[in-house]
């Protein structure tokens, strides 16, 4: 009689989904290696996934970057902005939440951003998600994002974020003081330049002189 093959025991359910495990693994590897050098098999091995599981969880590195963006967006929007604050106050709080969410992965973010200029395709794939995040940021702060001026508002906010991002990448202070100072100054400048945009943040100086 042929021996019957014993079925493998069912794996215990994991609290972390394969998609989250893949993203966590990618960020760990990106903290010490060039993003362009990472392969999907590398990430799957780090995450403890088979290539089949990896494919079902996330089909590409671009998809991993998109998932990272959504994770950071979710952390930023986990609670409403302070209803009593000014639009500028809300933008400041929301953007600092974003930097707080990125904080544990700063080394990975540095390596990923360093490689994006060498991979225009990946940069183009990341752009829609980034602009969508800026739209969500604006709307969470009470800024109207419909109408003819909407693209200008979102692009201006994106520029303010990117200016502050450059400072954050070099800010090693425990309290992110340099980042906060840069963001505050940048939002004030943005307020002065965009004071004609309905619903856009205005600095106290601009409000008092209006």
N, C-alpha and C. Protein backbone atom coordinates (compact mmCIF):
# COMPACT_ATOMS: atom_id res chain seq x y z
N UNK A 1 0.85 -1.20 0.00
CA UNK A 1 0.00 0.00 0.00
C UNK A 1 0.88 1.24 0.00
N UNK A 2 0.54 2.13 -0.89
CA UNK A 2 1.33 3.37 -0.96
C UNK A 2 1.11 4.20 0.28
N UNK A 3 2.20 4.74 0.75
CA UNK A 3 2.09 5.59 1.93
C UNK A 3 1.35 6.88 1.59
N UNK A 4 0.50 7.28 2.48
CA UNK A 4 -0.23 8.53 2.28
C UNK A 4 0.63 9.70 2.72
N UNK A 5 0.59 10.74 1.88
CA UNK A 5 1.37 11.93 2.21
C UNK A 5 0.63 12.75 3.25
N UNK A 6 1.33 13.06 4.32
CA UNK A 6 0.70 13.86 5.36
C UNK A 6 0.62 15.32 4.91
N UNK A 7 -0.51 15.91 5.13
CA UNK A 7 -0.66 17.32 4.78
C UNK A 7 0.08 18.18 5.79
N UNK A 8 0.65 19.26 5.28
CA UNK A 8 1.39 20.17 6.17
C UNK A 8 0.41 20.87 7.09
N UNK A 9 0.82 21.10 8.32
CA UNK A 9 -0.07 21.83 9.23
C UNK A 9 -0.35 23.22 8.72
N UNK A 10 -1.55 23.70 8.94
CA UNK A 10 -1.92 25.04 8.49
C UNK A 10 -1.10 26.07 9.25
N UNK A 11 -0.56 27.05 8.54
CA UNK A 11 0.23 28.08 9.23
C UNK A 11 -0.64 28.91 10.15
N UNK A 12 -0.05 29.30 11.25
CA UNK A 12 -0.79 30.15 12.17
C UNK A 12 -0.98 31.52 11.55
N UNK A 13 -2.18 32.08 11.73
CA UNK A 13 -2.43 33.40 11.13
C UNK A 13 -1.51 34.46 11.71
N UNK A 14 -1.04 35.32 10.83
CA UNK A 14 -0.14 36.39 11.27
C UNK A 14 -0.93 37.69 11.45
N UNK A 15 -0.52 38.48 12.42
CA UNK A 15 -1.20 39.75 12.66
C UNK A 15 -0.84 40.76 11.57
N UNK A 16 0.24 40.52 10.86
CA UNK A 16 0.69 41.43 9.81
C UNK A 16 0.31 40.84 8.46
N UNK A 17 -0.35 41.63 7.63
CA UNK A 17 -0.74 41.14 6.31
C UNK A 17 0.50 41.00 5.43
N UNK A 18 0.45 40.14 4.40
CA UNK A 18 1.59 40.03 3.48
C UNK A 18 1.98 41.36 2.86
N UNK A 19 1.00 42.21 2.54
CA UNK A 19 1.31 43.52 1.95
C UNK A 19 2.09 44.39 2.93
N UNK A 20 1.67 44.39 4.20
CA UNK A 20 2.39 45.17 5.21
C UNK A 20 3.77 44.57 5.48
N UNK A 21 3.85 43.25 5.49
CA UNK A 21 5.14 42.60 5.72
C UNK A 21 6.11 42.95 4.60
N UNK A 22 5.61 42.96 3.36
CA UNK A 22 6.46 43.31 2.22
C UNK A 22 6.94 44.75 2.32
N UNK A 23 6.04 45.66 2.69
CA UNK A 23 6.42 47.06 2.81
C UNK A 23 7.43 47.25 3.94
N UNK A 24 7.18 46.64 5.08
CA UNK A 24 8.12 46.75 6.20
C UNK A 24 9.50 46.23 5.81
N UNK A 25 9.52 45.12 5.08
CA UNK A 25 10.79 44.54 4.64
C UNK A 25 11.51 45.46 3.67
N UNK A 26 10.76 46.03 2.74
CA UNK A 26 11.35 46.94 1.76
C UNK A 26 11.98 48.14 2.45
N UNK A 27 11.31 48.67 3.46
CA UNK A 27 11.83 49.84 4.17
C UNK A 27 13.08 49.48 4.98
N UNK A 28 13.09 48.29 5.56
CA UNK A 28 14.29 47.86 6.31
C UNK A 28 15.48 47.75 5.36
N UNK A 29 15.27 47.14 4.22
CA UNK A 29 16.37 46.98 3.27
C UNK A 29 16.80 48.32 2.69
N UNK A 30 15.84 49.19 2.40
CA UNK A 30 16.16 50.48 1.80
C UNK A 30 16.94 51.37 2.76
N UNK A 31 16.87 51.09 4.05
CA UNK A 31 17.61 51.91 5.03
C UNK A 31 19.11 51.70 4.91
N UNK A 32 19.52 50.57 4.33
CA UNK A 32 20.96 50.27 4.26
C UNK A 32 21.45 50.02 2.84
N UNK A 33 20.55 50.02 1.87
CA UNK A 33 20.93 49.73 0.49
C UNK A 33 20.27 50.70 -0.47
N UNK A 34 20.85 50.83 -1.65
CA UNK A 34 20.23 51.66 -2.68
C UNK A 34 18.89 51.05 -3.08
N UNK A 35 17.89 51.90 -3.24
CA UNK A 35 16.58 51.43 -3.66
C UNK A 35 16.66 50.74 -5.03
N UNK A 36 17.50 51.29 -5.91
CA UNK A 36 17.62 50.73 -7.26
C UNK A 36 18.25 49.34 -7.25
N UNK A 37 18.99 49.00 -6.19
CA UNK A 37 19.63 47.69 -6.12
C UNK A 37 18.71 46.60 -5.59
N UNK A 38 17.61 46.99 -4.97
CA UNK A 38 16.71 46.01 -4.38
C UNK A 38 15.88 45.33 -5.45
N UNK A 39 15.70 44.02 -5.29
CA UNK A 39 14.85 43.27 -6.20
C UNK A 39 13.64 42.74 -5.42
N UNK A 40 12.61 42.38 -6.14
CA UNK A 40 11.44 41.82 -5.48
C UNK A 40 11.78 40.52 -4.74
N UNK A 41 12.62 39.62 -5.30
CA UNK A 41 13.03 38.44 -4.51
C UNK A 41 13.75 38.82 -3.22
N UNK A 42 14.58 39.89 -3.25
CA UNK A 42 15.24 40.35 -2.02
C UNK A 42 14.20 40.69 -0.96
N UNK A 43 13.21 41.45 -1.40
CA UNK A 43 12.19 41.94 -0.46
C UNK A 43 11.34 40.79 0.05
N UNK A 44 11.00 39.87 -0.85
CA UNK A 44 10.21 38.71 -0.44
C UNK A 44 10.95 37.89 0.61
N UNK A 45 12.25 37.66 0.38
CA UNK A 45 13.04 36.88 1.33
C UNK A 45 13.10 37.58 2.69
N UNK A 46 13.29 38.88 2.68
CA UNK A 46 13.34 39.65 3.93
C UNK A 46 12.01 39.59 4.66
N UNK A 47 10.92 39.57 3.90
CA UNK A 47 9.58 39.55 4.50
C UNK A 47 9.13 38.15 4.90
N UNK A 48 9.89 37.13 4.48
CA UNK A 48 9.48 35.76 4.77
C UNK A 48 8.32 35.30 3.90
N UNK A 49 8.25 35.82 2.68
CA UNK A 49 7.18 35.47 1.76
C UNK A 49 7.73 34.71 0.57
N UNK A 50 6.92 33.84 0.00
CA UNK A 50 7.29 33.23 -1.27
C UNK A 50 7.06 34.27 -2.36
N UNK A 51 7.64 34.01 -3.53
CA UNK A 51 7.43 34.96 -4.63
C UNK A 51 5.96 35.02 -5.04
N UNK A 52 5.26 33.89 -4.92
CA UNK A 52 3.83 33.90 -5.23
C UNK A 52 3.06 34.77 -4.27
N UNK A 53 3.39 34.66 -2.98
CA UNK A 53 2.73 35.52 -1.98
C UNK A 53 3.08 36.98 -2.22
N UNK A 54 4.34 37.21 -2.59
CA UNK A 54 4.78 38.58 -2.85
C UNK A 54 4.01 39.17 -4.02
N UNK A 55 3.85 38.41 -5.07
CA UNK A 55 3.14 38.89 -6.25
C UNK A 55 1.70 39.23 -5.92
N UNK A 56 1.06 38.39 -5.12
CA UNK A 56 -0.33 38.67 -4.74
C UNK A 56 -0.42 39.88 -3.82
N UNK A 57 0.59 40.08 -2.99
CA UNK A 57 0.55 41.19 -2.03
C UNK A 57 0.86 42.53 -2.67
N UNK A 58 1.87 42.55 -3.52
CA UNK A 58 2.30 43.81 -4.15
C UNK A 58 3.10 43.47 -5.40
N UNK A 59 2.69 43.92 -6.56
CA UNK A 59 3.30 43.45 -7.81
C UNK A 59 4.60 44.12 -8.21
N UNK A 60 4.98 45.22 -7.57
CA UNK A 60 6.17 45.94 -8.04
C UNK A 60 6.70 46.86 -6.95
N UNK A 61 7.90 47.36 -7.16
CA UNK A 61 8.49 48.33 -6.23
C UNK A 61 7.70 49.64 -6.27
N UNK A 62 7.19 49.99 -7.44
CA UNK A 62 6.36 51.19 -7.53
C UNK A 62 5.12 51.04 -6.67
N UNK A 63 4.54 49.84 -6.64
CA UNK A 63 3.37 49.59 -5.79
C UNK A 63 3.74 49.69 -4.31
N UNK A 64 4.96 49.28 -3.97
CA UNK A 64 5.42 49.42 -2.59
C UNK A 64 5.53 50.88 -2.19
N UNK A 65 6.06 51.70 -3.10
CA UNK A 65 6.16 53.13 -2.80
C UNK A 65 4.77 53.75 -2.64
N UNK A 66 3.83 53.33 -3.48
CA UNK A 66 2.47 53.83 -3.37
C UNK A 66 1.85 53.42 -2.03
N UNK A 67 2.11 52.19 -1.61
CA UNK A 67 1.60 51.71 -0.33
C UNK A 67 2.21 52.48 0.83
N UNK A 68 3.49 52.80 0.72
CA UNK A 68 4.15 53.60 1.75
C UNK A 68 3.50 54.98 1.84
N UNK A 69 3.22 55.58 0.70
CA UNK A 69 2.55 56.87 0.70
C UNK A 69 1.19 56.82 1.37
N UNK A 70 0.44 55.76 1.07
CA UNK A 70 -0.89 55.64 1.68
C UNK A 70 -0.78 55.43 3.19
N UNK A 71 0.25 54.69 3.62
CA UNK A 71 0.43 54.48 5.06
C UNK A 71 0.71 55.82 5.76
N UNK A 72 1.56 56.64 5.14
CA UNK A 72 1.89 57.94 5.73
C UNK A 72 0.66 58.85 5.69
N UNK A 73 -0.08 58.80 4.58
CA UNK A 73 -1.31 59.60 4.49
C UNK A 73 -2.26 59.22 5.63
N UNK A 74 -2.40 57.91 5.86
CA UNK A 74 -3.31 57.45 6.91
C UNK A 74 -2.89 57.94 8.29
N UNK A 75 -1.59 57.95 8.54
CA UNK A 75 -1.10 58.45 9.84
C UNK A 75 -1.37 59.94 9.97
N UNK A 76 -1.18 60.67 8.88
CA UNK A 76 -1.42 62.12 8.91
C UNK A 76 -2.89 62.43 9.17
N UNK A 77 -3.77 61.63 8.61
CA UNK A 77 -5.21 61.91 8.68
C UNK A 77 -5.92 61.07 9.73
N UNK A 78 -5.17 60.48 10.65
CA UNK A 78 -5.76 59.59 11.65
C UNK A 78 -6.72 60.32 12.57
N UNK A 79 -6.52 61.60 12.73
CA UNK A 79 -7.45 62.40 13.54
C UNK A 79 -7.65 63.74 12.85
N UNK A 80 -8.78 64.40 13.12
CA UNK A 80 -9.05 65.67 12.45
C UNK A 80 -8.08 66.75 12.90
N UNK A 81 -7.89 67.72 12.02
CA UNK A 81 -7.10 68.89 12.41
C UNK A 81 -7.88 69.69 13.46
N UNK A 82 -7.16 70.45 14.25
CA UNK A 82 -7.78 71.25 15.32
C UNK A 82 -8.79 72.22 14.72
N UNK A 83 -10.05 72.06 15.11
CA UNK A 83 -11.11 72.89 14.53
C UNK A 83 -10.95 74.36 14.88
N UNK A 84 -10.27 74.67 15.98
CA UNK A 84 -10.13 76.06 16.42
C UNK A 84 -8.91 76.75 15.81
N UNK A 85 -8.06 76.01 15.13
CA UNK A 85 -6.85 76.61 14.57
C UNK A 85 -7.12 77.33 13.26
N UNK A 86 -6.19 78.20 12.87
CA UNK A 86 -6.27 78.84 11.56
C UNK A 86 -5.92 77.81 10.49
N UNK A 87 -6.16 78.16 9.24
CA UNK A 87 -5.81 77.26 8.16
C UNK A 87 -4.31 76.97 8.18
N UNK A 88 -3.52 78.00 8.44
CA UNK A 88 -2.07 77.79 8.51
C UNK A 88 -1.71 76.84 9.66
N UNK A 89 -2.36 77.02 10.82
CA UNK A 89 -2.11 76.14 11.96
C UNK A 89 -2.42 74.69 11.61
N UNK A 90 -3.53 74.49 10.89
CA UNK A 90 -3.92 73.14 10.51
C UNK A 90 -2.92 72.53 9.54
N UNK A 91 -2.47 73.33 8.57
CA UNK A 91 -1.47 72.83 7.62
C UNK A 91 -0.18 72.46 8.34
N UNK A 92 0.22 73.30 9.27
CA UNK A 92 1.45 73.04 10.04
C UNK A 92 1.32 71.71 10.78
N UNK A 93 0.18 71.53 11.47
CA UNK A 93 -0.02 70.31 12.25
C UNK A 93 -0.05 69.08 11.35
N UNK A 94 -0.76 69.16 10.24
CA UNK A 94 -0.88 68.01 9.33
C UNK A 94 0.46 67.63 8.73
N UNK A 95 1.23 68.63 8.30
CA UNK A 95 2.51 68.32 7.68
C UNK A 95 3.50 67.77 8.70
N UNK A 96 3.47 68.28 9.93
CA UNK A 96 4.36 67.74 10.95
C UNK A 96 3.97 66.31 11.31
N UNK A 97 2.67 65.99 11.28
CA UNK A 97 2.27 64.60 11.48
C UNK A 97 2.88 63.72 10.38
N UNK A 98 2.92 64.26 9.17
CA UNK A 98 3.48 63.50 8.06
C UNK A 98 4.97 63.23 8.30
N UNK A 99 5.70 64.24 8.74
CA UNK A 99 7.12 64.05 9.02
C UNK A 99 7.32 63.10 10.20
N UNK A 100 6.41 63.16 11.19
CA UNK A 100 6.50 62.23 12.32
C UNK A 100 6.34 60.78 11.83
N UNK A 101 5.42 60.57 10.89
CA UNK A 101 5.20 59.22 10.35
C UNK A 101 6.39 58.74 9.54
N UNK A 102 7.06 59.67 8.87
CA UNK A 102 8.24 59.31 8.08
C UNK A 102 9.47 59.09 8.96
N UNK A 103 9.46 59.67 10.16
CA UNK A 103 10.64 59.68 11.02
C UNK A 103 11.34 58.35 11.22
N UNK A 104 10.61 57.27 11.56
CA UNK A 104 11.28 55.98 11.79
C UNK A 104 11.96 55.43 10.53
N UNK A 105 11.63 55.97 9.38
CA UNK A 105 12.16 55.45 8.12
C UNK A 105 13.02 56.48 7.38
N UNK A 106 13.62 57.40 8.13
CA UNK A 106 14.35 58.49 7.48
C UNK A 106 15.48 57.97 6.59
N UNK A 107 16.23 56.99 7.06
CA UNK A 107 17.33 56.46 6.25
C UNK A 107 16.81 55.87 4.95
N UNK A 108 15.70 55.14 5.03
CA UNK A 108 15.10 54.56 3.82
C UNK A 108 14.61 55.66 2.89
N UNK A 109 13.96 56.68 3.45
CA UNK A 109 13.45 57.78 2.63
C UNK A 109 14.61 58.48 1.90
N UNK A 110 15.72 58.69 2.60
CA UNK A 110 16.88 59.32 1.97
C UNK A 110 17.37 58.50 0.78
N UNK A 111 17.49 57.20 0.95
CA UNK A 111 17.99 56.35 -0.13
C UNK A 111 17.01 56.27 -1.29
N UNK A 112 15.73 56.21 -0.97
CA UNK A 112 14.72 56.16 -2.04
C UNK A 112 14.73 57.45 -2.84
N UNK A 113 14.73 58.59 -2.15
CA UNK A 113 14.72 59.87 -2.85
C UNK A 113 16.00 60.08 -3.66
N UNK A 114 17.12 59.58 -3.15
CA UNK A 114 18.39 59.72 -3.88
C UNK A 114 18.36 58.97 -5.20
N UNK A 115 17.58 57.88 -5.25
CA UNK A 115 17.54 57.05 -6.45
C UNK A 115 16.46 57.47 -7.44
N UNK A 116 15.44 58.19 -6.99
CA UNK A 116 14.33 58.53 -7.89
C UNK A 116 14.76 59.30 -9.14
N UNK A 117 15.72 60.26 -9.03
CA UNK A 117 16.14 60.96 -10.26
C UNK A 117 16.74 60.02 -11.31
N UNK A 118 17.28 58.89 -10.87
CA UNK A 118 17.86 57.92 -11.81
C UNK A 118 16.81 56.98 -12.38
N UNK A 119 15.60 57.09 -11.87
CA UNK A 119 14.51 56.21 -12.34
C UNK A 119 13.28 57.07 -12.61
N UNK A 120 13.26 57.78 -13.76
CA UNK A 120 12.13 58.66 -14.07
C UNK A 120 10.79 57.95 -14.06
N UNK A 121 10.79 56.67 -14.45
CA UNK A 121 9.54 55.92 -14.45
C UNK A 121 8.94 55.82 -13.06
N UNK A 122 9.79 55.49 -12.08
CA UNK A 122 9.31 55.38 -10.70
C UNK A 122 8.85 56.73 -10.17
N UNK A 123 9.60 57.78 -10.54
CA UNK A 123 9.22 59.13 -10.10
C UNK A 123 7.86 59.52 -10.66
N UNK A 124 7.63 59.21 -11.94
CA UNK A 124 6.34 59.52 -12.56
C UNK A 124 5.21 58.74 -11.90
N UNK A 125 5.49 57.48 -11.54
CA UNK A 125 4.48 56.67 -10.86
C UNK A 125 4.15 57.24 -9.48
N UNK A 126 5.15 57.82 -8.82
CA UNK A 126 4.94 58.35 -7.48
C UNK A 126 4.23 59.70 -7.47
N UNK A 127 4.33 60.44 -8.59
CA UNK A 127 3.80 61.81 -8.62
C UNK A 127 2.30 61.89 -8.36
N UNK A 128 1.45 61.09 -9.00
CA UNK A 128 0.01 61.21 -8.74
C UNK A 128 -0.35 60.98 -7.27
N UNK A 129 0.30 60.00 -6.64
CA UNK A 129 0.02 59.75 -5.23
C UNK A 129 0.45 60.92 -4.36
N UNK A 130 1.58 61.53 -4.70
CA UNK A 130 2.06 62.68 -3.92
C UNK A 130 1.09 63.86 -4.05
N UNK A 131 0.66 64.15 -5.27
CA UNK A 131 -0.27 65.26 -5.46
C UNK A 131 -1.62 64.97 -4.80
N UNK A 132 -2.04 63.70 -4.83
CA UNK A 132 -3.27 63.33 -4.14
C UNK A 132 -3.12 63.57 -2.63
N UNK A 133 -1.95 63.25 -2.08
CA UNK A 133 -1.71 63.48 -0.66
C UNK A 133 -1.77 64.97 -0.34
N UNK A 134 -1.23 65.79 -1.23
CA UNK A 134 -1.28 67.24 -1.00
C UNK A 134 -2.73 67.75 -1.07
N UNK A 135 -3.53 67.16 -1.95
CA UNK A 135 -4.94 67.55 -2.01
C UNK A 135 -5.65 67.17 -0.71
N UNK A 136 -5.39 65.97 -0.22
CA UNK A 136 -5.99 65.55 1.06
C UNK A 136 -5.55 66.48 2.19
N UNK A 137 -4.27 66.86 2.17
CA UNK A 137 -3.76 67.77 3.20
C UNK A 137 -4.50 69.09 3.16
N UNK A 138 -4.65 69.63 1.96
CA UNK A 138 -5.36 70.91 1.80
C UNK A 138 -6.79 70.80 2.29
N UNK A 139 -7.49 69.74 1.89
CA UNK A 139 -8.89 69.59 2.27
C UNK A 139 -9.04 69.39 3.77
N UNK A 140 -8.10 68.64 4.38
CA UNK A 140 -8.16 68.43 5.83
C UNK A 140 -7.95 69.73 6.58
N UNK A 141 -7.24 70.68 5.94
CA UNK A 141 -7.01 71.99 6.57
C UNK A 141 -8.11 72.98 6.27
N UNK A 142 -9.10 72.56 5.48
CA UNK A 142 -10.22 73.45 5.17
C UNK A 142 -10.04 74.29 3.92
N UNK A 143 -9.08 73.90 3.06
CA UNK A 143 -8.84 74.64 1.83
C UNK A 143 -9.66 74.03 0.70
N UNK A 144 -10.38 74.87 -0.01
CA UNK A 144 -11.18 74.40 -1.14
C UNK A 144 -10.26 73.94 -2.27
N UNK A 145 -10.49 72.74 -2.79
CA UNK A 145 -9.63 72.20 -3.84
C UNK A 145 -10.41 71.92 -5.12
N UNK A 146 -11.44 72.70 -5.35
CA UNK A 146 -12.18 72.62 -6.61
C UNK A 146 -12.11 73.98 -7.29
N UNK A 147 -12.37 74.00 -8.58
CA UNK A 147 -12.34 75.26 -9.31
C UNK A 147 -11.04 75.47 -10.04
N UNK A 148 -10.95 76.60 -10.73
CA UNK A 148 -9.81 76.89 -11.59
C UNK A 148 -8.50 77.02 -10.82
N UNK A 149 -8.58 77.49 -9.57
CA UNK A 149 -7.36 77.73 -8.80
C UNK A 149 -6.86 76.47 -8.08
N UNK A 150 -7.62 75.39 -8.13
CA UNK A 150 -7.25 74.20 -7.38
C UNK A 150 -5.84 73.69 -7.71
N UNK A 151 -5.46 73.55 -8.99
CA UNK A 151 -4.10 73.07 -9.28
C UNK A 151 -3.02 73.98 -8.72
N UNK A 152 -3.25 75.30 -8.77
CA UNK A 152 -2.26 76.24 -8.23
C UNK A 152 -2.10 76.06 -6.73
N UNK A 153 -3.21 75.90 -6.04
CA UNK A 153 -3.15 75.71 -4.60
C UNK A 153 -2.39 74.43 -4.24
N UNK A 154 -2.74 73.35 -4.92
CA UNK A 154 -2.11 72.06 -4.60
C UNK A 154 -0.63 72.08 -4.93
N UNK A 155 -0.27 72.66 -6.08
CA UNK A 155 1.14 72.73 -6.46
C UNK A 155 1.93 73.62 -5.51
N UNK A 156 1.32 74.72 -5.05
CA UNK A 156 1.99 75.60 -4.10
C UNK A 156 2.21 74.88 -2.77
N UNK A 157 1.21 74.11 -2.34
CA UNK A 157 1.35 73.37 -1.10
C UNK A 157 2.40 72.28 -1.24
N UNK A 158 2.44 71.64 -2.41
CA UNK A 158 3.45 70.62 -2.67
C UNK A 158 4.85 71.23 -2.60
N UNK A 159 5.02 72.42 -3.15
CA UNK A 159 6.32 73.08 -3.10
C UNK A 159 6.72 73.40 -1.66
N UNK A 160 5.76 73.87 -0.87
CA UNK A 160 6.05 74.16 0.54
C UNK A 160 6.49 72.89 1.27
N UNK A 161 5.84 71.79 0.97
CA UNK A 161 6.20 70.52 1.60
C UNK A 161 7.61 70.09 1.18
N UNK A 162 7.90 70.17 -0.11
CA UNK A 162 9.21 69.73 -0.61
C UNK A 162 10.34 70.59 -0.05
N UNK A 163 10.10 71.89 0.09
CA UNK A 163 11.11 72.77 0.68
C UNK A 163 11.41 72.32 2.11
N UNK A 164 10.36 72.02 2.86
CA UNK A 164 10.54 71.58 4.24
C UNK A 164 11.15 70.19 4.30
N UNK A 165 10.80 69.35 3.34
CA UNK A 165 11.36 67.99 3.30
C UNK A 165 12.88 68.02 3.22
N UNK A 166 13.42 68.93 2.44
CA UNK A 166 14.88 69.04 2.32
C UNK A 166 15.51 69.35 3.67
N UNK A 167 14.85 70.18 4.45
CA UNK A 167 15.37 70.51 5.78
C UNK A 167 15.22 69.31 6.70
N UNK A 168 14.07 68.65 6.65
CA UNK A 168 13.82 67.48 7.51
C UNK A 168 14.84 66.38 7.28
N UNK A 169 15.23 66.17 6.05
CA UNK A 169 16.19 65.12 5.74
C UNK A 169 17.54 65.34 6.43
N UNK A 170 17.87 66.60 6.72
CA UNK A 170 19.14 66.92 7.37
C UNK A 170 18.98 67.24 8.85
N UNK A 171 17.75 67.26 9.33
CA UNK A 171 17.47 67.66 10.71
C UNK A 171 17.65 66.46 11.64
N UNK A 172 18.69 66.51 12.45
CA UNK A 172 18.97 65.41 13.38
C UNK A 172 18.56 65.76 14.82
N UNK A 173 17.90 66.90 15.01
CA UNK A 173 17.49 67.30 16.36
C UNK A 173 16.38 66.40 16.87
N UNK A 174 16.35 66.20 18.18
CA UNK A 174 15.36 65.31 18.78
C UNK A 174 13.95 65.87 18.68
N UNK A 175 13.83 67.20 18.68
CA UNK A 175 12.51 67.83 18.66
C UNK A 175 12.11 68.37 17.30
N UNK A 176 12.90 68.07 16.26
CA UNK A 176 12.62 68.53 14.89
C UNK A 176 12.47 70.05 14.83
N UNK A 177 13.27 70.74 15.63
CA UNK A 177 13.14 72.20 15.71
C UNK A 177 13.43 72.87 14.37
N UNK A 178 14.46 72.41 13.67
CA UNK A 178 14.79 73.03 12.37
C UNK A 178 13.67 72.81 11.36
N UNK A 179 13.10 71.62 11.38
CA UNK A 179 12.00 71.32 10.46
C UNK A 179 10.80 72.20 10.75
N UNK A 180 10.45 72.34 12.02
CA UNK A 180 9.29 73.17 12.38
C UNK A 180 9.52 74.63 12.03
N UNK A 181 10.74 75.12 12.27
CA UNK A 181 11.03 76.51 11.94
C UNK A 181 10.94 76.74 10.44
N UNK A 182 11.47 75.79 9.66
CA UNK A 182 11.41 75.91 8.21
C UNK A 182 9.98 75.87 7.71
N UNK A 183 9.19 74.95 8.24
CA UNK A 183 7.80 74.83 7.81
C UNK A 183 7.01 76.08 8.15
N UNK A 184 7.21 76.62 9.35
CA UNK A 184 6.51 77.83 9.75
C UNK A 184 6.85 78.99 8.81
N UNK A 185 8.13 79.16 8.52
CA UNK A 185 8.55 80.25 7.63
C UNK A 185 8.02 80.04 6.21
N UNK A 186 8.06 78.80 5.75
CA UNK A 186 7.61 78.50 4.38
C UNK A 186 6.11 78.74 4.24
N UNK A 187 5.34 78.35 5.25
CA UNK A 187 3.90 78.58 5.19
C UNK A 187 3.58 80.07 5.25
N UNK A 188 4.36 80.84 6.01
CA UNK A 188 4.16 82.29 6.02
C UNK A 188 4.42 82.89 4.64
N UNK A 189 5.49 82.44 3.99
CA UNK A 189 5.78 82.93 2.64
C UNK A 189 4.70 82.52 1.67
N UNK A 190 4.23 81.29 1.80
CA UNK A 190 3.17 80.81 0.95
C UNK A 190 1.90 81.64 1.15
N UNK A 191 1.62 82.00 2.40
CA UNK A 191 0.45 82.81 2.70
C UNK A 191 0.53 84.16 2.01
N UNK A 192 1.71 84.76 2.06
CA UNK A 192 1.87 86.07 1.44
C UNK A 192 1.71 86.00 -0.07
N UNK A 193 2.26 84.95 -0.68
CA UNK A 193 2.19 84.81 -2.13
C UNK A 193 0.80 84.43 -2.61
N UNK A 194 0.10 83.63 -1.80
CA UNK A 194 -1.18 83.09 -2.23
C UNK A 194 -2.36 83.72 -1.50
N UNK A 195 -2.18 84.92 -0.97
CA UNK A 195 -3.25 85.54 -0.20
C UNK A 195 -4.49 85.83 -1.03
N UNK A 196 -4.34 85.84 -2.35
CA UNK A 196 -5.50 86.08 -3.21
C UNK A 196 -6.28 84.81 -3.48
N UNK A 197 -5.75 83.63 -3.05
CA UNK A 197 -6.47 82.38 -3.26
C UNK A 197 -7.52 82.22 -2.17
N UNK A 198 -8.80 82.11 -2.52
CA UNK A 198 -9.83 81.91 -1.49
C UNK A 198 -9.54 80.66 -0.67
N UNK A 199 -9.58 80.82 0.66
CA UNK A 199 -9.41 79.66 1.53
C UNK A 199 -7.99 79.25 1.77
N UNK A 200 -7.02 79.98 1.22
CA UNK A 200 -5.63 79.58 1.44
C UNK A 200 -5.11 80.24 2.70
N UNK A 201 -4.12 79.63 3.37
CA UNK A 201 -3.65 80.16 4.65
C UNK A 201 -3.01 81.53 4.49
N UNK A 202 -3.25 82.39 5.43
CA UNK A 202 -2.66 83.72 5.41
C UNK A 202 -1.92 83.93 6.72
N UNK A 203 -0.75 84.53 6.65
CA UNK A 203 -0.01 84.83 7.86
C UNK A 203 -0.68 85.94 8.62
N UNK A 204 -0.36 86.08 9.90
CA UNK A 204 -0.94 87.15 10.68
C UNK A 204 -0.59 88.51 10.09
N UNK A 205 0.64 88.63 9.59
CA UNK A 205 1.05 89.90 8.99
C UNK A 205 0.20 90.24 7.78
N UNK A 206 -0.06 89.22 6.93
CA UNK A 206 -0.88 89.47 5.74
C UNK A 206 -2.31 89.81 6.12
N UNK A 207 -2.82 89.13 7.15
CA UNK A 207 -4.19 89.38 7.57
C UNK A 207 -4.34 90.78 8.14
N UNK A 208 -3.33 91.22 8.91
CA UNK A 208 -3.42 92.52 9.54
C UNK A 208 -3.29 93.66 8.52
N UNK A 209 -2.55 93.42 7.43
CA UNK A 209 -2.36 94.47 6.44
C UNK A 209 -3.45 94.48 5.38
N UNK A 210 -4.32 93.44 5.38
CA UNK A 210 -5.36 93.35 4.35
C UNK A 210 -6.44 94.39 4.57
